[in-house]
C-alpha cells in the first residue's frame, strides 16, 4: 500500500483508467463478434454498418491509448477480411 499522498492518488487514477480501458477493449471485442455473426448470416447492410462502427471504435480506442495503434490496425485488417468473405486463418 502506498504511504505517500501522490502514490495514493496514482493508485486511484490507475484504478479508474483500468476500468475505462477495459470498457473500450471489451466493446471492441463485442463489435468484432457482431461483425462475424452478421457475416455468417450474410446480411450485407448489417455487415457494412457493423464494420463502420467497429473501425470507428478501434480508431477512437487507439487515439485515447486504450489499444495500441498496431493492435487497432491488426483488428481493422481482420475485420476487412471478414467483410471481404475470406476464410478465417487458423
Protein backbone atom coordinates (compact mmCIF):
# COMPACT_ATOMS: atom_id res chain seq x y z
CA UNK A 1 0.00 0.00 0.00
CA UNK A 2 1.27 3.47 -0.81
CA UNK A 3 2.19 5.70 2.08
CA UNK A 4 2.73 8.91 0.11
CA UNK A 5 -0.21 11.07 -0.94
CA UNK A 6 0.85 11.26 -4.57
CA UNK A 7 1.18 7.48 -4.73
CA UNK A 8 -2.30 7.11 -3.24
CA UNK A 9 -3.65 9.45 -5.90
CA UNK A 10 -1.88 7.50 -8.67
CA UNK A 11 -3.45 4.26 -7.38
CA UNK A 12 -6.90 5.86 -7.55
CA UNK A 13 -6.27 7.22 -11.03
CA UNK A 14 -4.88 3.92 -12.30
CA UNK A 15 -7.93 2.09 -10.99
CA UNK A 16 -10.31 4.43 -12.84
CA UNK A 17 -8.22 4.27 -16.01
CA UNK A 18 -8.09 0.46 -15.88
CA UNK A 19 -11.87 0.23 -15.77
CA UNK A 20 -12.24 2.73 -18.62
CA UNK A 21 -9.68 0.91 -20.76
CA UNK A 22 -11.46 -2.38 -20.09
CA UNK A 23 -14.69 -0.84 -21.38
CA UNK A 24 -13.02 0.18 -24.65
CA UNK A 25 -11.37 -3.21 -25.16
CA UNK A 26 -14.49 -5.17 -24.25
CA UNK A 27 -16.70 -3.18 -26.60
CA UNK A 28 -14.21 -3.68 -29.43
CA UNK A 29 -14.39 -7.44 -28.89
CA UNK A 30 -18.18 -7.33 -28.82
CA UNK A 31 -18.33 -5.37 -32.07
CA UNK A 32 -15.95 -7.86 -33.71
CA UNK A 33 -18.19 -10.74 -32.62
CA UNK A 34 -21.26 -8.95 -34.00
CA UNK A 35 -19.44 -8.45 -37.31
CA UNK A 36 -18.59 -12.16 -37.51
CA UNK A 37 -22.18 -13.12 -36.72
CA UNK A 38 -23.57 -10.74 -39.35
CA UNK A 39 -21.09 -12.03 -41.94
CA UNK A 40 -22.12 -15.63 -41.23
CA UNK A 41 -25.77 -14.72 -41.73
CA UNK A 42 -24.91 -12.92 -44.97
CA UNK A 43 -26.75 -9.68 -44.21
CA UNK A 44 -24.81 -7.11 -46.26
CA UNK A 45 -26.37 -3.99 -44.74
CA UNK A 46 -25.73 -5.17 -41.18
CA UNK A 47 -22.19 -6.17 -42.08
CA UNK A 48 -21.47 -2.75 -43.55
CA UNK A 49 -22.95 -0.87 -40.61
CA UNK A 50 -21.20 -3.03 -38.02
CA UNK A 51 -17.89 -2.78 -39.86
CA UNK A 52 -18.14 1.01 -39.98
CA UNK A 53 -18.96 1.14 -36.26
CA UNK A 54 -16.11 -1.24 -35.39
CA UNK A 55 -13.49 0.69 -37.37
CA UNK A 56 -14.59 3.95 -35.78
CA UNK A 57 -14.47 2.42 -32.30
CA UNK A 58 -11.00 0.96 -32.87
CA UNK A 59 -9.69 4.30 -34.12
CA UNK A 60 -11.05 6.09 -31.06
CA UNK A 61 -9.66 3.45 -28.70
CA UNK A 62 -6.21 3.72 -30.29
CA UNK A 63 -6.32 7.51 -30.19
CA UNK A 64 -7.03 7.57 -26.47
CA UNK A 65 -4.46 4.86 -25.70
CA UNK A 66 -6.77 2.06 -24.64
CA UNK A 67 -5.49 -0.05 -27.54
CA UNK A 68 -2.05 0.09 -29.11
CA UNK A 69 -2.18 1.56 -32.62
CA UNK A 70 -0.79 -1.65 -34.16
CA UNK A 71 -3.39 -3.73 -32.33
CA UNK A 72 -6.13 -1.50 -33.70
CA UNK A 73 -4.67 -1.75 -37.20
CA UNK A 74 -4.47 -5.54 -36.96
CA UNK A 75 -8.08 -5.81 -35.82
CA UNK A 76 -9.22 -3.48 -38.59
CA UNK A 77 -7.43 -5.72 -41.11
CA UNK A 78 -9.10 -8.77 -39.61
CA UNK A 79 -12.47 -7.03 -39.90
CA UNK A 80 -11.78 -6.14 -43.53
CA UNK A 81 -11.03 -9.80 -44.27
CA UNK A 82 -14.31 -10.81 -42.62
CA UNK A 83 -16.23 -8.28 -44.73
CA UNK A 84 -14.47 -9.48 -47.89
CA UNK A 85 -15.58 -13.03 -47.09
CA UNK A 86 -12.16 -14.58 -46.77
CA UNK A 87 -11.95 -17.71 -44.61
CA UNK A 88 -10.53 -17.30 -41.13
CA UNK A 89 -6.87 -18.23 -40.70
CA UNK A 90 -6.19 -20.96 -38.18
